[in-house]
Amino acid sequence: MPLNCGIVGLPNVGKSTIFNALTSAKAQAANYPFCTIDPNTGVVTVPDERLQKISALIKPKSLVPTTMEFIDIAGLVEGASKGEGLGNQFLGHIRQTDAIAHVVRCFEDPEVVHVAGKVDPLHDIDIINTELLLADLDSVDKRLQKVERSAKSGDAKAKAEAEALRKLKTTLEAGKPARVADLTDDEKAITRDMFLITAKPQLYVANVDEAGLTSGNQHTAAVEQRAKEEGAEVVRICGAMESEIALLEPEERGEFLKDMGLEEPGLNRLIHSAYRLLNLITYFTAGVQEVRAWTIKRGTKAPGAAGVIHTDFEKGFIKAECYASDDLFRLGSEQAVKEAGLLRQEGKEYVVKDGDILFFKFNV
C-alpha cells in the first residue's frame, strides 16, 4: 500500500481544487463549506526523471513508477474537536494518514467566500492546529485515566505508558504538537497505536493566485515565517493554475510552464515535499521486462527493501547486486558499470541509498 498524505484546512481554502488537479480524480469542488462529505482518495505517481533515464538505457518492455496516496478531507472549522461542523468524523479520517498537507488560503477573491469572513492565514492555521491539539489532548486524557488505574496496582508496563502519556499531555497543554514531545524511542512505540494527529509530520501548502506564485505576497510571507518557527516546509501553489495544467496534454504542459517561467508544476513540488516529509527514498529494479521504482523509508536495509517487492524476498534474502543509477547515466550501460567495477554484492546490513538499482537473490 502506498504511504498517504491527508489534505486538510478550513472550508474554501482550495483543498479539493488542489486534490482534483493532483490526482485527476473527480472530487467535488464547490463554493460552500463541507462540499467534501467523504474523504476522496487518489493515488498519484511520484515524478522522477531517473525512471525515464534508466528506461532509455535498459529499454524495458514496461515502466512502473512509484506512487503516493493523497486524501482530500472535508474542511474543519473552529470547534471541530467538540463536534462542530462535521467534527470528529473528519478528525478520525486524519488519524489514518501518515502525514498532513495543511492548505492555507493566501489569495484575495471576493467571489470565493471565506468561512471566517476575511483572508488571514495565521488565524486559519491557528484554528486548525488548535482543533487538532484539542482532539489529541482529549485522546491522551482518556487513555491516561484508564492507564493510571493499572499503574497504581503496580503494573510496570502501565507505569511506563502513564509516564509517556503525562509527557504528551504536558506538551499538548502547552499548545505544542505531540511530535515535539520529549519521548524516548520506547515511549514512542508505546503510544504509536493512539495515532495522534499532531504526532504526524506536517507541511503547509500556500494556495496563491498567479501573481503570488513567483514573488509571493503578504500572506505567504506570514505563512513562511510561521513554518520557519515550527521547522516546517511550505509549498507555494496556485490551485486554479494547476487545474488548467492538469487538463493539458504532456507536450503542451512543458510549453505552458515555460511561458509562465516555471520549471515544473507546483503539484510536483508538493509531491516531492510530501515524499521528503515522510523521509522516503526511491530505489529501482531494472531489466528487459520491467524498470520499476520502489518506495522505502530512508535508512532501510537491503532485506527490508526486498520485502517491499514481496515478503518472501525478505525472508529468504541472500544478497543484493547493487549499483548507483548515477553511474549508469555517466557510463551509459549496465555492462560499462560492471567493467568499471561499480557493480557491488551487498549483504543484510547494507543500507539502501536513494537512486540505487538493485537485483535481489533469495531462497524460496
Protein backbone atom coordinates (compact mmCIF):
# COMPACT_ATOMS: atom_id res chain seq x y z
CA MET A 1 0.00 0.00 0.00
CA PRO A 2 1.34 3.48 -0.81
CA LEU A 3 2.02 5.80 2.09
CA ASN A 4 -0.57 8.56 2.28
CA CYS A 5 -0.90 12.25 2.99
CA GLY A 6 -4.12 13.89 4.19
CA ILE A 7 -5.01 17.30 2.73
CA VAL A 8 -6.61 19.44 5.47
CA GLY A 9 -7.65 23.05 6.00
CA LEU A 10 -10.62 25.32 6.58
CA PRO A 11 -13.54 25.16 4.11
CA ASN A 12 -13.00 27.03 0.83
CA VAL A 13 -9.20 27.30 1.00
CA GLY A 14 -8.75 25.26 -2.19
CA LYS A 15 -8.19 21.73 -0.83
CA SER A 16 -10.45 19.97 -3.32
CA THR A 17 -9.26 22.12 -6.23
CA ILE A 18 -5.67 21.11 -5.49
CA PHE A 19 -6.69 17.49 -4.91
CA ASN A 20 -8.52 17.36 -8.24
CA ALA A 21 -5.54 18.71 -10.12
CA LEU A 22 -3.17 16.46 -8.19
CA THR A 23 -4.99 13.20 -8.75
CA SER A 24 -7.20 13.91 -11.80
CA ALA A 25 -9.99 12.49 -9.64
CA LYS A 26 -13.49 13.97 -9.63
CA ALA A 27 -13.71 15.29 -6.09
CA GLN A 28 -16.49 17.87 -5.91
CA ALA A 29 -15.17 21.43 -5.65
CA ALA A 30 -17.85 23.98 -4.77
CA ASN A 31 -18.00 27.44 -3.28
CA TYR A 32 -19.55 26.45 0.04
CA PRO A 33 -18.34 24.64 3.18
CA PHE A 34 -18.43 20.84 3.54
CA CYS A 35 -18.79 20.02 -0.15
CA THR A 36 -16.45 17.08 0.52
CA ILE A 37 -18.63 14.70 2.53
CA ASP A 38 -16.50 11.57 2.31
CA PRO A 39 -12.71 11.60 2.14
CA ASN A 40 -11.69 11.42 -1.51
CA THR A 41 -8.66 9.27 -2.18
CA GLY A 42 -6.34 9.38 -5.16
CA VAL A 43 -3.09 7.58 -5.91
CA VAL A 44 -0.54 9.71 -7.76
CA THR A 45 2.77 8.83 -9.37
CA VAL A 46 5.90 10.35 -7.83
CA PRO A 47 7.62 12.37 -10.59
CA ASP A 48 11.17 11.05 -11.04
CA GLU A 49 13.15 11.74 -14.22
CA ARG A 50 15.61 8.98 -13.28
CA LEU A 51 12.99 6.37 -14.21
CA GLN A 52 12.87 7.60 -17.81
CA LYS A 53 16.67 7.85 -17.96
CA ILE A 54 17.07 4.25 -16.79
CA SER A 55 14.42 3.13 -19.27
CA ALA A 56 16.20 4.86 -22.15
CA LEU A 57 19.35 2.84 -21.41
CA ILE A 58 17.84 -0.52 -20.35
CA LYS A 59 14.96 -0.43 -22.91
CA PRO A 60 12.42 -2.49 -20.92
CA LYS A 61 9.01 -3.69 -22.08
CA SER A 62 7.27 -1.73 -19.31
CA LEU A 63 7.87 1.16 -16.94
CA VAL A 64 6.30 1.35 -13.46
CA PRO A 65 6.66 4.49 -11.29
CA THR A 66 6.28 4.56 -7.53
CA THR A 67 3.17 6.18 -6.02
CA MET A 68 1.78 8.16 -3.10
CA GLU A 69 -1.79 8.37 -1.89
CA PHE A 70 -3.48 11.70 -1.18
CA ILE A 71 -6.72 12.00 0.78
CA ASP A 72 -8.92 15.10 0.49
CA ILE A 73 -10.50 15.57 3.92
CA ALA A 74 -13.51 17.86 4.44
CA GLY A 75 -12.89 21.34 5.84
CA LEU A 76 -12.52 21.64 9.60
CA VAL A 77 -13.98 24.59 11.49
CA GLU A 78 -13.49 26.06 14.94
CA GLY A 79 -14.99 23.66 17.48
CA ALA A 80 -14.44 20.56 15.32
CA SER A 81 -12.84 18.74 18.27
CA LYS A 82 -16.17 19.17 20.08
CA GLY A 83 -18.22 18.07 17.07
CA GLU A 84 -18.79 21.42 15.36
CA GLY A 85 -19.21 21.35 11.57
CA LEU A 86 -18.61 17.77 10.56
CA GLY A 87 -16.32 17.41 13.56
CA ASN A 88 -14.92 14.17 14.86
CA GLN A 89 -15.92 12.25 11.73
CA PHE A 90 -13.14 14.01 9.85
CA LEU A 91 -10.67 14.07 12.71
CA GLY A 92 -10.98 10.29 12.53
CA HIS A 93 -10.11 10.35 8.83
CA ILE A 94 -6.98 12.40 9.54
CA ARG A 95 -5.81 9.85 12.14
CA GLN A 96 -5.49 7.23 9.42
CA THR A 97 -2.99 9.24 7.33
CA ASP A 98 0.82 9.15 7.52
CA ALA A 99 1.33 12.91 7.09
CA ILE A 100 -0.65 16.13 6.79
CA ALA A 101 -0.62 18.73 4.00
CA HIS A 102 -2.23 21.81 5.55
CA VAL A 103 -3.68 24.02 2.80
CA VAL A 104 -3.83 27.72 3.69
CA ARG A 105 -5.61 30.34 1.62
CA CYS A 106 -3.17 33.06 0.58
CA PHE A 107 -5.19 34.82 -2.12
CA GLU A 108 -7.88 37.51 -2.16
CA ASP A 109 -11.05 36.87 -4.18
CA PRO A 110 -14.41 38.41 -3.23
CA GLU A 111 -16.15 35.75 -5.33
CA VAL A 112 -14.88 32.92 -3.10
CA VAL A 113 -16.41 33.06 0.37
CA HIS A 114 -14.02 32.71 3.32
CA VAL A 115 -15.57 30.88 6.26
CA ALA A 116 -14.10 33.42 8.72
CA GLY A 117 -15.13 36.46 6.65
CA LYS A 118 -11.60 37.57 5.69
CA VAL A 119 -8.29 36.12 4.48
CA ASP A 120 -5.95 35.72 7.46
CA PRO A 121 -3.70 32.66 7.02
CA LEU A 122 -2.18 32.72 10.51
CA HIS A 123 -5.65 32.82 12.07
CA ASP A 124 -6.66 29.91 9.83
CA ILE A 125 -3.55 27.93 10.80
CA ASP A 126 -4.22 28.54 14.49
CA ILE A 127 -7.82 27.32 14.19
CA ILE A 128 -6.82 24.05 12.53
CA ASN A 129 -3.81 23.42 14.76
CA THR A 130 -5.83 24.17 17.89
CA GLU A 131 -8.58 21.75 16.89
CA LEU A 132 -6.02 19.02 16.20
CA LEU A 133 -4.30 19.69 19.54
CA LEU A 134 -7.61 19.56 21.42
CA ALA A 135 -8.59 16.31 19.73
CA ASP A 136 -5.26 14.74 20.71
CA LEU A 137 -5.46 16.10 24.25
CA ASP A 138 -8.88 14.51 24.65
CA SER A 139 -7.49 11.15 23.46
CA VAL A 140 -4.49 11.38 25.80
CA ASP A 141 -6.64 12.34 28.80
CA LYS A 142 -8.99 9.39 28.29
CA ARG A 143 -6.13 6.93 27.86
CA LEU A 144 -4.24 8.33 30.85
CA GLN A 145 -7.23 7.97 33.16
CA LYS A 146 -7.54 4.33 32.17
CA VAL A 147 -3.81 3.55 32.40
CA GLU A 148 -3.30 5.27 35.76
CA ARG A 149 -5.69 2.80 37.39
CA SER A 150 -3.49 -0.09 36.25
CA ALA A 151 -0.31 1.79 37.16
CA LYS A 152 -1.49 2.19 40.77
CA SER A 153 -1.73 -1.60 41.08
CA GLY A 154 1.99 -1.89 40.33
CA ASP A 155 1.80 -2.85 36.67
CA ALA A 156 5.25 -1.90 35.28
CA LYS A 157 4.03 -1.66 31.70
CA ALA A 158 1.17 0.63 32.73
CA LYS A 159 3.58 2.83 34.72
CA ALA A 160 5.79 3.30 31.65
CA GLU A 161 2.79 4.12 29.49
CA ALA A 162 1.44 6.58 32.07
CA GLU A 163 4.77 8.41 32.12
CA ALA A 164 4.73 8.72 28.32
CA LEU A 165 1.13 9.96 28.37
CA ARG A 166 1.95 12.59 31.01
CA LYS A 167 4.74 13.92 28.79
CA LEU A 168 2.32 14.12 25.87
CA LYS A 169 -0.32 15.84 27.99
CA THR A 170 2.17 18.47 29.20
CA THR A 171 3.29 19.16 25.62
CA LEU A 172 -0.26 19.45 24.26
CA GLU A 173 -1.44 21.65 27.14
CA ALA A 174 1.45 23.99 26.31
CA GLY A 175 -0.02 24.37 22.81
CA LYS A 176 2.69 22.30 21.14
CA PRO A 177 2.15 19.30 18.83
CA ALA A 178 2.77 15.75 20.02
CA ARG A 179 5.63 15.36 17.51
CA VAL A 180 7.86 17.65 19.63
CA ALA A 181 7.22 15.83 22.92
CA ASP A 182 10.42 14.58 24.57
CA LEU A 183 9.61 10.88 24.29
CA THR A 184 12.14 8.06 24.30
CA ASP A 185 12.05 5.52 21.46
CA ASP A 186 10.31 3.07 23.81
CA GLU A 187 7.71 5.67 24.77
CA LYS A 188 7.07 6.46 21.09
CA ALA A 189 6.47 2.77 20.49
CA ILE A 190 4.09 2.55 23.47
CA THR A 191 1.92 5.44 22.23
CA ARG A 192 2.10 4.75 18.48
CA ASP A 193 -1.24 2.94 18.42
CA MET A 194 -3.00 6.14 19.52
CA PHE A 195 -2.46 7.62 16.03
CA LEU A 196 -2.21 11.13 17.46
CA ILE A 197 -2.85 13.68 14.73
CA THR A 198 -0.24 16.21 15.89
CA ALA A 199 2.40 13.46 16.04
CA LYS A 200 2.27 13.30 12.24
CA PRO A 201 4.69 15.35 10.13
CA GLN A 202 3.03 18.40 8.56
CA LEU A 203 3.75 20.76 5.69
CA TYR A 204 1.94 23.94 4.67
CA VAL A 205 0.53 24.44 1.18
CA ALA A 206 0.12 28.16 0.45
CA ASN A 207 -2.67 28.43 -2.14
CA VAL A 208 -1.99 31.64 -4.07
CA ASP A 209 -3.17 33.46 -7.18
CA GLU A 210 -0.90 33.67 -10.25
CA ALA A 211 0.68 36.93 -9.08
CA GLY A 212 1.70 35.38 -5.78
CA LEU A 213 3.19 32.24 -7.28
CA THR A 214 6.70 33.51 -8.04
CA SER A 215 7.06 36.59 -5.85
CA GLY A 216 4.70 35.71 -3.00
CA ASN A 217 2.60 38.22 -1.08
CA GLN A 218 1.97 39.39 2.49
CA HIS A 219 0.02 36.21 3.21
CA THR A 220 2.72 33.80 2.00
CA ALA A 221 5.34 35.78 3.92
CA ALA A 222 3.36 35.24 7.13
CA VAL A 223 2.94 31.51 6.47
CA GLU A 224 6.62 31.07 5.59
CA GLN A 225 7.66 32.84 8.81
CA ARG A 226 5.36 30.59 10.86
CA ALA A 227 6.72 27.50 9.12
CA LYS A 228 10.28 28.63 9.82
CA GLU A 229 9.45 28.95 13.51
CA GLU A 230 7.99 25.44 13.51
CA GLY A 231 10.73 23.87 11.39
CA ALA A 232 8.12 23.01 8.73
CA GLU A 233 8.15 23.26 4.94
CA VAL A 234 5.97 25.50 2.75
CA VAL A 235 4.99 24.77 -0.84
CA ARG A 236 3.50 27.66 -2.84
CA ILE A 237 0.82 26.51 -5.30
CA CYS A 238 -1.74 28.28 -7.47
CA GLY A 239 -4.63 25.83 -7.34
CA ALA A 240 -6.51 27.50 -10.19
CA MET A 241 -3.48 27.32 -12.49
CA GLU A 242 -2.73 23.71 -11.53
CA SER A 243 -6.29 22.83 -12.56
CA GLU A 244 -5.57 24.26 -16.02
CA ILE A 245 -2.23 22.46 -16.28
CA ALA A 246 -3.84 19.14 -15.32
CA LEU A 247 -6.13 19.36 -18.38
CA LEU A 248 -3.26 19.86 -20.84
CA GLU A 249 -1.53 17.12 -22.83
CA PRO A 250 2.02 16.37 -21.57
CA GLU A 251 3.68 18.09 -24.55
CA GLU A 252 1.51 21.19 -24.02
CA ARG A 253 2.33 21.37 -20.31
CA GLY A 254 6.01 21.98 -20.94
CA GLU A 255 5.27 24.94 -23.19
CA PHE A 256 2.72 26.36 -20.74
CA LEU A 257 5.17 26.13 -17.83
CA LYS A 258 7.93 27.72 -19.92
CA ASP A 259 5.64 30.64 -20.75
CA MET A 260 4.91 31.06 -17.03
CA GLY A 261 8.63 30.93 -16.17
CA LEU A 262 8.24 27.68 -14.21
CA GLU A 263 10.38 24.53 -14.40
CA GLU A 264 7.70 22.10 -13.19
CA PRO A 265 4.09 22.13 -11.96
CA GLY A 266 3.57 23.17 -8.35
CA LEU A 267 1.93 19.81 -7.73
CA ASN A 268 5.25 18.08 -8.48
CA ARG A 269 6.82 20.20 -5.76
CA LEU A 270 4.02 19.21 -3.41
CA ILE A 271 4.54 15.50 -4.10
CA HIS A 272 8.30 15.80 -3.61
CA SER A 273 7.81 17.78 -0.39
CA ALA A 274 5.41 15.15 0.95
CA TYR A 275 7.94 12.48 -0.01
CA ARG A 276 10.68 14.27 1.96
CA LEU A 277 8.29 14.91 4.83
CA LEU A 278 7.73 11.16 5.18
CA ASN A 279 11.51 10.57 4.94
CA LEU A 280 11.13 8.42 1.83
CA ILE A 281 13.61 7.49 -0.88
CA THR A 282 13.35 5.58 -4.16
CA TYR A 283 15.31 2.60 -5.41
CA PHE A 284 14.90 0.84 -8.75
CA THR A 285 14.79 -2.63 -10.20
CA ALA A 286 15.78 -2.77 -13.86
CA GLY A 287 15.64 -5.47 -16.52
CA VAL A 288 14.42 -6.03 -20.06
CA GLN A 289 10.97 -6.99 -18.80
CA GLU A 290 10.44 -4.02 -16.49
CA VAL A 291 12.04 -0.95 -14.96
CA ARG A 292 10.29 -0.11 -11.73
CA ALA A 293 10.59 2.43 -8.88
CA TRP A 294 10.04 1.36 -5.27
CA THR A 295 9.42 3.49 -2.19
CA ILE A 296 11.18 2.81 1.13
CA LYS A 297 11.95 4.72 4.31
CA ARG A 298 15.39 6.30 4.43
CA GLY A 299 17.69 4.01 6.43
CA THR A 300 16.07 0.76 5.26
CA LYS A 301 18.48 -2.17 4.94
CA ALA A 302 18.60 -4.43 1.87
CA PRO A 303 16.33 -7.22 3.23
CA GLY A 304 13.65 -4.65 4.14
CA ALA A 305 13.87 -3.09 0.69
CA ALA A 306 13.45 -6.56 -0.84
CA GLY A 307 10.38 -7.09 1.36
CA VAL A 308 8.64 -4.16 -0.34
CA ILE A 309 8.58 -6.27 -3.50
CA HIS A 310 7.49 -9.48 -1.75
CA THR A 311 7.72 -10.77 1.82
CA ASP A 312 9.40 -13.95 0.53
CA PHE A 313 12.26 -11.82 -0.80
CA GLU A 314 12.92 -10.52 2.71
CA LYS A 315 12.54 -13.88 4.45
CA GLY A 316 14.88 -15.68 2.06
CA PHE A 317 17.28 -12.78 1.40
CA ILE A 318 20.80 -13.87 0.43
CA LYS A 319 22.36 -10.77 -1.11
CA ALA A 320 21.70 -7.84 -3.42
CA GLU A 321 23.57 -6.88 -6.57
CA CYS A 322 23.71 -3.10 -6.48
CA TYR A 323 24.93 -0.10 -8.42
CA ALA A 324 24.09 3.61 -8.43
CA SER A 325 21.79 4.98 -11.13
CA ASP A 326 24.18 7.96 -11.46
CA ASP A 327 26.93 5.52 -12.53
CA LEU A 328 24.59 4.08 -15.17
CA PHE A 329 23.83 7.57 -16.51
CA ARG A 330 27.51 8.50 -16.55
CA LEU A 331 28.79 5.30 -18.20
CA GLY A 332 25.81 4.59 -20.48
CA SER A 333 25.17 0.88 -19.89
CA GLU A 334 24.98 -1.79 -17.22
CA GLN A 335 27.87 -3.61 -18.91
CA ALA A 336 30.04 -0.49 -18.63
CA VAL A 337 29.14 -0.24 -14.93
CA LYS A 338 30.29 -3.86 -14.44
CA GLU A 339 33.52 -3.30 -16.36
CA ALA A 340 34.27 -0.26 -14.19
CA GLY A 341 33.97 -2.47 -11.10
CA LEU A 342 30.99 -0.49 -9.78
CA LEU A 343 28.54 -3.40 -9.53
CA ARG A 344 28.67 -4.50 -5.88
CA GLN A 345 27.47 -7.50 -3.88
CA GLU A 346 25.77 -6.26 -0.71
CA GLY A 347 24.58 -8.25 2.32
CA LYS A 348 21.94 -7.93 5.02
CA GLU A 349 23.47 -4.88 6.70
CA TYR A 350 23.62 -2.73 3.58
CA VAL A 351 21.58 0.48 3.92
CA VAL A 352 19.90 1.19 0.58
CA LYS A 353 20.62 4.63 -0.90
CA ASP A 354 18.33 6.86 -2.92
CA GLY A 355 18.74 6.02 -6.62
CA ASP A 356 20.24 2.55 -6.12
CA ILE A 357 19.48 -0.07 -8.77
CA LEU A 358 19.11 -3.45 -7.07
CA PHE A 359 18.75 -7.10 -8.07
CA PHE A 360 17.90 -9.42 -5.15
CA LYS A 361 18.95 -13.03 -4.70
CA PHE A 362 16.96 -15.10 -2.24
CA ASN A 363 15.95 -18.61 -1.18
CA VAL A 364 12.31 -19.60 -1.61
